[in-house]
Amino acid sequence: MVENIYSLIDIESFKSLWFPFNHYDSEFKLMAEELKLKYRATHIFDDLGNDFFTTEPPKDCDLMISNPPFSEQNRIIERSFELVEANKIKSFALLLPLATLETEKRANMFQKYEDKLAILIFKKRIKFLGHTQSFNRGCCWVCYNIPALREQPIKWV
């Protein structure tokens, strides 16, 4: 999944990445290191005070990308757009459940930014490592201001 999104969004075109929801053995980080990309990785609720809702992104962050906790998706989406509006990040890509697209509140948020929004929908359910079959679900990438996705804002992957 990580290799796929990195290819789709042309990850190497970004200069400064932020992984705000990543554990120490994250595939996002491992691949970024392999590609020699500049990044900062934090975790939403670590013991280092890196809570996503209060932590500032790295300076000149042009892409925030991660698989956030689904239970906090409303707050995470809101904060992501706040960071864009405050010019603290230029773009983001968040792996979220397909149901994210269903509610009126989130639909209104997405509609406000639809000029630069892209949705990548998986043809198959994602199998999350370390989780049971019942945890696997339909997911999508909600992306904002990703140049490689401008020509095709809805894409099946």
N, C-alpha and C. Protein backbone atom coordinates (compact mmCIF):
# COMPACT_ATOMS: atom_id res chain seq x y z
N MET A 1 0.82 -1.18 0.00
CA MET A 1 0.00 0.00 0.00
C MET A 1 0.87 1.26 0.00
N VAL A 2 1.92 1.28 0.80
CA VAL A 2 2.78 2.46 0.87
C VAL A 2 3.51 2.67 -0.46
N GLU A 3 4.05 1.60 -1.00
CA GLU A 3 4.75 1.70 -2.28
C GLU A 3 3.80 2.22 -3.36
N ASN A 4 2.56 1.77 -3.32
CA ASN A 4 1.55 2.18 -4.28
C ASN A 4 1.26 3.68 -4.19
N ILE A 5 1.01 4.19 -2.99
CA ILE A 5 0.69 5.62 -2.85
C ILE A 5 1.91 6.47 -3.17
N TYR A 6 3.08 6.03 -2.77
CA TYR A 6 4.29 6.79 -3.08
C TYR A 6 4.44 6.96 -4.59
N SER A 7 4.14 5.93 -5.34
CA SER A 7 4.23 5.99 -6.79
C SER A 7 3.14 6.90 -7.37
N LEU A 8 1.91 6.73 -6.91
CA LEU A 8 0.77 7.50 -7.43
C LEU A 8 0.92 9.00 -7.23
N ILE A 9 1.49 9.40 -6.11
CA ILE A 9 1.58 10.84 -5.81
C ILE A 9 2.95 11.42 -6.15
N ASP A 10 3.84 10.59 -6.69
CA ASP A 10 5.20 11.02 -7.02
C ASP A 10 5.89 11.59 -5.78
N ILE A 11 6.03 10.73 -4.77
CA ILE A 11 6.56 11.14 -3.46
C ILE A 11 7.89 11.86 -3.56
N GLU A 12 8.71 11.50 -4.52
CA GLU A 12 10.03 12.11 -4.62
C GLU A 12 9.99 13.58 -5.07
N SER A 13 8.82 14.04 -5.50
CA SER A 13 8.69 15.45 -5.88
C SER A 13 8.49 16.35 -4.66
N PHE A 14 8.27 15.77 -3.49
CA PHE A 14 8.07 16.55 -2.27
C PHE A 14 9.40 16.70 -1.53
N LYS A 15 9.61 17.85 -0.96
CA LYS A 15 10.89 18.15 -0.30
C LYS A 15 10.91 17.88 1.19
N SER A 16 9.76 18.04 1.86
CA SER A 16 9.71 17.88 3.30
C SER A 16 8.41 17.18 3.69
N LEU A 17 8.53 15.98 4.25
CA LEU A 17 7.37 15.16 4.59
C LEU A 17 7.15 15.12 6.09
N TRP A 18 5.89 14.93 6.46
CA TRP A 18 5.55 14.73 7.87
C TRP A 18 4.66 13.51 7.96
N PHE A 19 5.07 12.55 8.80
CA PHE A 19 4.28 11.36 9.10
C PHE A 19 3.77 11.51 10.53
N PRO A 20 2.59 12.09 10.75
CA PRO A 20 2.15 12.41 12.11
C PRO A 20 1.53 11.27 12.90
N PHE A 21 1.33 10.10 12.30
CA PHE A 21 0.65 9.01 13.00
C PHE A 21 1.44 7.71 12.94
N ASN A 22 2.75 7.82 12.89
CA ASN A 22 3.54 6.64 12.61
C ASN A 22 4.31 6.09 13.79
N HIS A 23 4.27 4.78 13.89
CA HIS A 23 5.07 4.07 14.88
C HIS A 23 6.52 4.01 14.38
N TYR A 24 7.39 3.54 15.22
CA TYR A 24 8.81 3.55 14.91
C TYR A 24 9.17 2.62 13.75
N ASP A 25 8.36 1.60 13.50
CA ASP A 25 8.66 0.66 12.42
C ASP A 25 7.73 0.86 11.22
N SER A 26 7.25 2.04 11.05
CA SER A 26 6.31 2.37 9.98
C SER A 26 6.88 2.13 8.59
N GLU A 27 6.04 1.57 7.72
CA GLU A 27 6.43 1.40 6.31
C GLU A 27 6.64 2.74 5.62
N PHE A 28 5.89 3.76 6.04
CA PHE A 28 6.08 5.10 5.46
C PHE A 28 7.52 5.56 5.69
N LYS A 29 7.99 5.38 6.92
CA LYS A 29 9.35 5.79 7.27
C LYS A 29 10.40 4.91 6.59
N LEU A 30 10.19 3.61 6.62
CA LEU A 30 11.18 2.70 6.03
C LEU A 30 11.40 2.98 4.55
N MET A 31 10.30 3.21 3.83
CA MET A 31 10.42 3.52 2.40
C MET A 31 11.02 4.91 2.16
N ALA A 32 10.67 5.86 3.02
CA ALA A 32 11.24 7.21 2.89
C ALA A 32 12.75 7.16 3.09
N GLU A 33 13.20 6.36 4.05
CA GLU A 33 14.64 6.21 4.27
C GLU A 33 15.31 5.56 3.07
N GLU A 34 14.66 4.54 2.52
CA GLU A 34 15.18 3.87 1.33
C GLU A 34 15.35 4.85 0.17
N LEU A 35 14.39 5.75 0.03
CA LEU A 35 14.42 6.74 -1.06
C LEU A 35 15.22 7.99 -0.71
N LYS A 36 15.74 8.03 0.53
CA LYS A 36 16.53 9.17 1.02
C LYS A 36 15.72 10.47 1.01
N LEU A 37 14.48 10.38 1.48
CA LEU A 37 13.59 11.54 1.56
C LEU A 37 13.72 12.21 2.92
N LYS A 38 13.52 13.51 2.93
CA LYS A 38 13.57 14.27 4.18
C LYS A 38 12.18 14.19 4.84
N TYR A 39 12.14 13.72 6.08
CA TYR A 39 10.86 13.59 6.76
C TYR A 39 11.01 13.78 8.28
N ARG A 40 9.86 14.01 8.90
CA ARG A 40 9.75 14.00 10.36
C ARG A 40 8.60 13.06 10.68
N ALA A 41 8.84 12.14 11.59
CA ALA A 41 7.80 11.19 12.00
C ALA A 41 7.47 11.41 13.47
N THR A 42 6.19 11.47 13.76
CA THR A 42 5.71 11.59 15.14
C THR A 42 4.57 10.59 15.29
N HIS A 43 4.10 10.47 16.49
CA HIS A 43 2.94 9.61 16.70
C HIS A 43 1.90 10.38 17.48
N ILE A 44 0.65 10.19 17.11
CA ILE A 44 -0.46 10.97 17.67
C ILE A 44 -0.48 11.00 19.19
N PHE A 45 -0.21 9.89 19.83
CA PHE A 45 -0.26 9.84 21.28
C PHE A 45 1.00 9.21 21.84
N ASP A 46 2.16 9.75 21.49
CA ASP A 46 3.39 9.18 22.04
C ASP A 46 3.74 9.85 23.37
N ASP A 47 4.77 9.38 24.01
CA ASP A 47 5.15 9.95 25.31
C ASP A 47 6.15 11.09 25.14
N LEU A 48 6.33 11.56 23.92
CA LEU A 48 7.26 12.67 23.67
C LEU A 48 6.52 13.99 23.45
N GLY A 49 5.22 13.99 23.67
CA GLY A 49 4.44 15.22 23.51
C GLY A 49 4.12 15.55 22.07
N ASN A 50 4.07 14.55 21.20
CA ASN A 50 3.81 14.79 19.77
C ASN A 50 2.36 14.58 19.38
N ASP A 51 1.44 14.97 20.20
CA ASP A 51 0.02 14.86 19.90
C ASP A 51 -0.28 15.64 18.62
N PHE A 52 -0.87 14.98 17.63
CA PHE A 52 -1.16 15.60 16.34
C PHE A 52 -1.94 16.90 16.48
N PHE A 53 -2.80 16.97 17.46
CA PHE A 53 -3.68 18.13 17.59
C PHE A 53 -2.98 19.36 18.16
N THR A 54 -1.76 19.18 18.67
CA THR A 54 -1.01 20.32 19.20
C THR A 54 0.38 20.45 18.59
N THR A 55 0.88 19.40 17.97
CA THR A 55 2.22 19.41 17.39
C THR A 55 2.24 20.20 16.08
N GLU A 56 3.25 21.00 15.92
CA GLU A 56 3.42 21.76 14.68
C GLU A 56 4.15 20.89 13.66
N PRO A 57 3.78 20.99 12.40
CA PRO A 57 4.50 20.25 11.35
C PRO A 57 5.92 20.79 11.21
N PRO A 58 6.78 20.04 10.55
CA PRO A 58 8.13 20.56 10.29
C PRO A 58 8.05 21.81 9.42
N LYS A 59 9.03 22.66 9.56
CA LYS A 59 9.08 23.89 8.77
C LYS A 59 9.11 23.54 7.28
N ASP A 60 8.37 24.29 6.48
CA ASP A 60 8.29 24.10 5.03
C ASP A 60 7.77 22.72 4.62
N CYS A 61 6.87 22.17 5.42
CA CYS A 61 6.30 20.85 5.11
C CYS A 61 5.42 20.97 3.87
N ASP A 62 5.77 20.21 2.85
CA ASP A 62 4.93 20.27 1.66
C ASP A 62 4.03 19.04 1.50
N LEU A 63 4.20 18.02 2.36
CA LEU A 63 3.28 16.88 2.33
C LEU A 63 3.18 16.22 3.70
N MET A 64 1.95 16.09 4.17
CA MET A 64 1.65 15.29 5.35
C MET A 64 0.96 14.03 4.82
N ILE A 65 1.50 12.88 5.19
CA ILE A 65 0.93 11.62 4.69
C ILE A 65 0.96 10.59 5.79
N SER A 66 -0.17 9.85 5.93
CA SER A 66 -0.20 8.84 6.98
C SER A 66 -1.50 8.06 6.97
N ASN A 67 -1.53 7.09 7.84
CA ASN A 67 -2.69 6.26 8.11
C ASN A 67 -3.15 6.61 9.53
N PRO A 68 -4.02 7.59 9.68
CA PRO A 68 -4.41 8.04 11.02
C PRO A 68 -5.39 7.08 11.69
N PRO A 69 -5.56 7.23 13.01
CA PRO A 69 -6.57 6.42 13.70
C PRO A 69 -7.96 6.79 13.18
N PHE A 70 -8.69 5.80 12.72
CA PHE A 70 -10.01 6.05 12.15
C PHE A 70 -10.98 6.64 13.18
N SER A 71 -10.79 6.33 14.44
CA SER A 71 -11.69 6.81 15.49
C SER A 71 -11.63 8.33 15.67
N GLU A 72 -10.57 8.96 15.18
CA GLU A 72 -10.39 10.41 15.32
C GLU A 72 -10.53 11.15 13.99
N GLN A 73 -11.11 10.50 12.99
CA GLN A 73 -11.05 11.06 11.64
C GLN A 73 -11.66 12.44 11.49
N ASN A 74 -12.75 12.76 12.16
CA ASN A 74 -13.32 14.10 12.01
C ASN A 74 -12.34 15.17 12.47
N ARG A 75 -11.80 14.99 13.64
CA ARG A 75 -10.84 15.97 14.18
C ARG A 75 -9.59 16.04 13.32
N ILE A 76 -9.14 14.90 12.81
CA ILE A 76 -7.93 14.86 11.99
C ILE A 76 -8.15 15.57 10.67
N ILE A 77 -9.28 15.34 10.03
CA ILE A 77 -9.58 16.02 8.77
C ILE A 77 -9.68 17.54 9.01
N GLU A 78 -10.38 17.94 10.05
CA GLU A 78 -10.51 19.36 10.37
C GLU A 78 -9.15 20.00 10.58
N ARG A 79 -8.32 19.36 11.40
CA ARG A 79 -6.98 19.90 11.69
C ARG A 79 -6.12 19.94 10.42
N SER A 80 -6.25 18.95 9.57
CA SER A 80 -5.48 18.92 8.32
C SER A 80 -5.80 20.14 7.46
N PHE A 81 -7.08 20.44 7.31
CA PHE A 81 -7.45 21.62 6.53
C PHE A 81 -7.05 22.92 7.25
N GLU A 82 -7.09 22.94 8.57
CA GLU A 82 -6.61 24.11 9.33
C GLU A 82 -5.13 24.34 9.07
N LEU A 83 -4.35 23.26 9.04
CA LEU A 83 -2.91 23.38 8.77
C LEU A 83 -2.66 23.91 7.36
N VAL A 84 -3.47 23.49 6.41
CA VAL A 84 -3.36 24.01 5.04
C VAL A 84 -3.66 25.50 5.03
N GLU A 85 -4.76 25.88 5.65
CA GLU A 85 -5.17 27.29 5.66
C GLU A 85 -4.16 28.19 6.35
N ALA A 86 -3.48 27.64 7.37
CA ALA A 86 -2.47 28.41 8.10
C ALA A 86 -1.11 28.35 7.40
N ASN A 87 -1.05 27.75 6.20
CA ASN A 87 0.19 27.60 5.43
C ASN A 87 1.27 26.84 6.19
N LYS A 88 0.86 25.89 7.00
CA LYS A 88 1.83 25.08 7.75
C LYS A 88 2.14 23.78 7.02
N ILE A 89 1.22 23.33 6.15
CA ILE A 89 1.47 22.23 5.22
C ILE A 89 0.86 22.65 3.88
N LYS A 90 1.41 22.11 2.80
CA LYS A 90 0.88 22.46 1.48
C LYS A 90 -0.11 21.42 0.98
N SER A 91 0.09 20.17 1.38
CA SER A 91 -0.76 19.10 0.88
C SER A 91 -0.81 17.97 1.89
N PHE A 92 -1.79 17.08 1.68
CA PHE A 92 -1.84 15.90 2.54
C PHE A 92 -2.46 14.74 1.81
N ALA A 93 -2.16 13.54 2.33
CA ALA A 93 -2.77 12.29 1.86
C ALA A 93 -3.04 11.45 3.10
N LEU A 94 -4.32 11.17 3.35
CA LEU A 94 -4.72 10.42 4.54
C LEU A 94 -5.46 9.15 4.11
N LEU A 95 -5.03 8.03 4.64
CA LEU A 95 -5.71 6.76 4.41
C LEU A 95 -6.87 6.67 5.39
N LEU A 96 -8.09 6.61 4.86
CA LEU A 96 -9.29 6.63 5.70
C LEU A 96 -10.29 5.58 5.21
N PRO A 97 -11.24 5.19 6.07
CA PRO A 97 -12.26 4.25 5.62
C PRO A 97 -13.17 4.90 4.57
N LEU A 98 -13.69 4.10 3.67
CA LEU A 98 -14.61 4.62 2.65
C LEU A 98 -15.80 5.35 3.28
N ALA A 99 -16.22 4.92 4.44
CA ALA A 99 -17.35 5.56 5.12
C ALA A 99 -17.07 7.02 5.44
N THR A 100 -15.82 7.43 5.38
CA THR A 100 -15.45 8.83 5.60
C THR A 100 -16.20 9.73 4.62
N LEU A 101 -16.50 9.21 3.46
CA LEU A 101 -17.14 10.02 2.42
C LEU A 101 -18.65 10.15 2.61
N GLU A 102 -19.21 9.48 3.63
CA GLU A 102 -20.66 9.38 3.75
C GLU A 102 -21.36 10.47 4.56
N THR A 103 -20.73 11.10 5.50
CA THR A 103 -21.48 12.00 6.37
C THR A 103 -21.58 13.42 5.81
N GLU A 104 -22.63 14.10 6.20
CA GLU A 104 -22.84 15.47 5.72
C GLU A 104 -21.74 16.40 6.22
N LYS A 105 -21.33 16.24 7.47
CA LYS A 105 -20.30 17.11 8.03
C LYS A 105 -19.01 17.01 7.24
N ARG A 106 -18.56 15.78 6.98
CA ARG A 106 -17.32 15.60 6.23
C ARG A 106 -17.51 16.00 4.77
N ALA A 107 -18.67 15.69 4.20
CA ALA A 107 -18.95 16.08 2.82
C ALA A 107 -18.84 17.60 2.66
N ASN A 108 -19.34 18.34 3.63
CA ASN A 108 -19.25 19.80 3.59
C ASN A 108 -17.80 20.27 3.67
N MET A 109 -17.00 19.61 4.51
CA MET A 109 -15.58 19.95 4.60
C MET A 109 -14.89 19.71 3.26
N PHE A 110 -15.13 18.54 2.69
CA PHE A 110 -14.49 18.19 1.42
C PHE A 110 -14.96 19.10 0.30
N GLN A 111 -16.23 19.44 0.29
CA GLN A 111 -16.77 20.28 -0.77
C GLN A 111 -16.11 21.66 -0.77
N LYS A 112 -15.81 22.17 0.41
CA LYS A 112 -15.17 23.48 0.53
C LYS A 112 -13.80 23.50 -0.17
N TYR A 113 -13.15 22.35 -0.22
CA TYR A 113 -11.79 22.27 -0.79
C TYR A 113 -11.74 21.42 -2.06
N GLU A 114 -12.88 21.21 -2.69
CA GLU A 114 -12.96 20.26 -3.79
C GLU A 114 -12.10 20.63 -5.00
N ASP A 115 -11.72 21.89 -5.12
CA ASP A 115 -10.90 22.28 -6.26
C ASP A 115 -9.53 21.61 -6.27
N LYS A 116 -9.04 21.18 -5.12
CA LYS A 116 -7.73 20.53 -5.04
C LYS A 116 -7.81 19.16 -4.36
N LEU A 117 -9.01 18.64 -4.24
CA LEU A 117 -9.22 17.36 -3.56
C LEU A 117 -9.17 16.21 -4.56
N ALA A 118 -8.59 15.10 -4.14
CA ALA A 118 -8.58 13.87 -4.94
C ALA A 118 -8.88 12.70 -4.01
N ILE A 119 -9.60 11.74 -4.53
CA ILE A 119 -9.95 10.54 -3.77
C ILE A 119 -9.44 9.33 -4.55
N LEU A 120 -8.63 8.51 -3.90
CA LEU A 120 -8.14 7.27 -4.49
C LEU A 120 -8.85 6.13 -3.79
N ILE A 121 -9.60 5.35 -4.53
CA ILE A 121 -10.43 4.29 -3.96
C ILE A 121 -9.83 2.93 -4.29
N PHE A 122 -9.64 2.10 -3.29
CA PHE A 122 -9.08 0.77 -3.48
C PHE A 122 -10.13 -0.17 -4.06
N LYS A 123 -9.73 -1.01 -4.99
CA LYS A 123 -10.62 -2.00 -5.57
C LYS A 123 -10.84 -3.17 -4.61
N LYS A 124 -9.88 -3.38 -3.71
CA LYS A 124 -9.99 -4.46 -2.73
C LYS A 124 -9.83 -3.88 -1.33
N ARG A 125 -10.30 -4.62 -0.35
CA ARG A 125 -10.12 -4.19 1.04
C ARG A 125 -8.65 -4.26 1.43
N ILE A 126 -8.28 -3.37 2.31
CA ILE A 126 -6.90 -3.34 2.80
C ILE A 126 -6.75 -4.37 3.91
N LYS A 127 -5.66 -5.08 3.89
CA LYS A 127 -5.34 -6.01 4.98
C LYS A 127 -4.31 -5.34 5.86
N PHE A 128 -4.72 -4.92 7.04
CA PHE A 128 -3.83 -4.24 7.96
C PHE A 128 -3.02 -5.27 8.73
N LEU A 129 -1.71 -5.10 8.71
CA LEU A 129 -0.81 -6.03 9.40
C LEU A 129 -1.12 -6.06 10.89
N GLY A 130 -1.14 -7.26 11.45
CA GLY A 130 -1.35 -7.41 12.88
C GLY A 130 -2.80 -7.34 13.32
N HIS A 131 -3.73 -7.27 12.37
CA HIS A 131 -5.15 -7.20 12.73
C HIS A 131 -5.89 -8.41 12.16
N THR A 132 -7.01 -8.71 12.78
CA THR A 132 -7.81 -9.84 12.33
C THR A 132 -8.55 -9.48 11.05
N GLN A 133 -9.10 -10.48 10.41
CA GLN A 133 -9.85 -10.30 9.16
C GLN A 133 -10.99 -9.30 9.35
N SER A 134 -11.61 -9.29 10.53
CA SER A 134 -12.76 -8.39 10.76
C SER A 134 -12.35 -6.92 10.75
N PHE A 135 -11.06 -6.63 10.97
CA PHE A 135 -10.60 -5.25 10.98
C PHE A 135 -10.41 -4.72 9.55
N ASN A 136 -10.16 -5.62 8.62
CA ASN A 136 -9.93 -5.21 7.24
C ASN A 136 -11.20 -4.58 6.66
N ARG A 137 -11.04 -3.46 5.98
CA ARG A 137 -12.21 -2.74 5.47
C ARG A 137 -11.89 -1.98 4.20
N GLY A 138 -12.95 -1.51 3.57
CA GLY A 138 -12.79 -0.69 2.39
C GLY A 138 -12.20 0.66 2.79
N CYS A 139 -11.18 1.08 2.09
CA CYS A 139 -10.51 2.34 2.42
C CYS A 139 -10.30 3.18 1.18
N CYS A 140 -9.90 4.42 1.41
CA CYS A 140 -9.57 5.32 0.33
C CYS A 140 -8.49 6.28 0.82
N TRP A 141 -7.79 6.85 -0.12
CA TRP A 141 -6.87 7.94 0.19
C TRP A 141 -7.60 9.24 -0.07
N VAL A 142 -7.69 10.09 0.92
CA VAL A 142 -8.21 11.44 0.74
C VAL A 142 -7.00 12.34 0.61
N CYS A 143 -6.86 12.95 -0.56
CA CYS A 143 -5.66 13.72 -0.87
C CYS A 143 -6.03 15.17 -1.18
N TYR A 144 -5.19 16.07 -0.73
CA TYR A 144 -5.43 17.49 -1.00
C TYR A 144 -4.17 18.11 -1.61
N ASN A 145 -4.34 18.79 -2.71
CA ASN A 145 -3.30 19.57 -3.36
C ASN A 145 -2.07 18.73 -3.76
N ILE A 146 -2.33 17.58 -4.35
CA ILE A 146 -1.26 16.70 -4.83
C ILE A 146 -1.14 16.90 -6.34
N PRO A 147 -0.08 17.55 -6.82
CA PRO A 147 0.02 17.84 -8.25
C PRO A 147 -0.16 16.62 -9.17
N ALA A 148 0.37 15.47 -8.80
CA ALA A 148 0.27 14.28 -9.65
C ALA A 148 -1.16 13.78 -9.81
N LEU A 149 -2.08 14.25 -8.98
CA LEU A 149 -3.47 13.78 -9.03
C LEU A 149 -4.43 14.80 -9.62
N ARG A 150 -3.94 15.92 -10.06
CA ARG A 150 -4.82 16.99 -10.55
C ARG A 150 -5.63 16.59 -11.77
N GLU A 151 -5.07 15.79 -12.65
CA GLU A 151 -5.76 15.42 -13.89
C GLU A 151 -6.87 14.40 -13.66
N GLN A 152 -6.75 13.62 -12.60
CA GLN A 152 -7.74 12.56 -12.33
C GLN A 152 -8.06 12.57 -10.84
N PRO A 153 -9.00 13.43 -10.40
CA PRO A 153 -9.28 13.57 -8.98
C PRO A 153 -9.94 12.36 -8.31
N ILE A 154 -10.58 11.50 -9.08
CA ILE A 154 -11.11 10.24 -8.52
C ILE A 154 -10.46 9.12 -9.30
N LYS A 155 -9.83 8.23 -8.55
CA LYS A 155 -9.06 7.17 -9.20
C LYS A 155 -9.26 5.86 -8.45
N TRP A 156 -9.41 4.77 -9.18
CA TRP A 156 -9.53 3.43 -8.60
C TRP A 156 -8.15 2.81 -8.62
N VAL A 157 -7.69 2.34 -7.46
CA VAL A 157 -6.35 1.73 -7.38
C VAL A 157 -6.43 0.33 -6.83
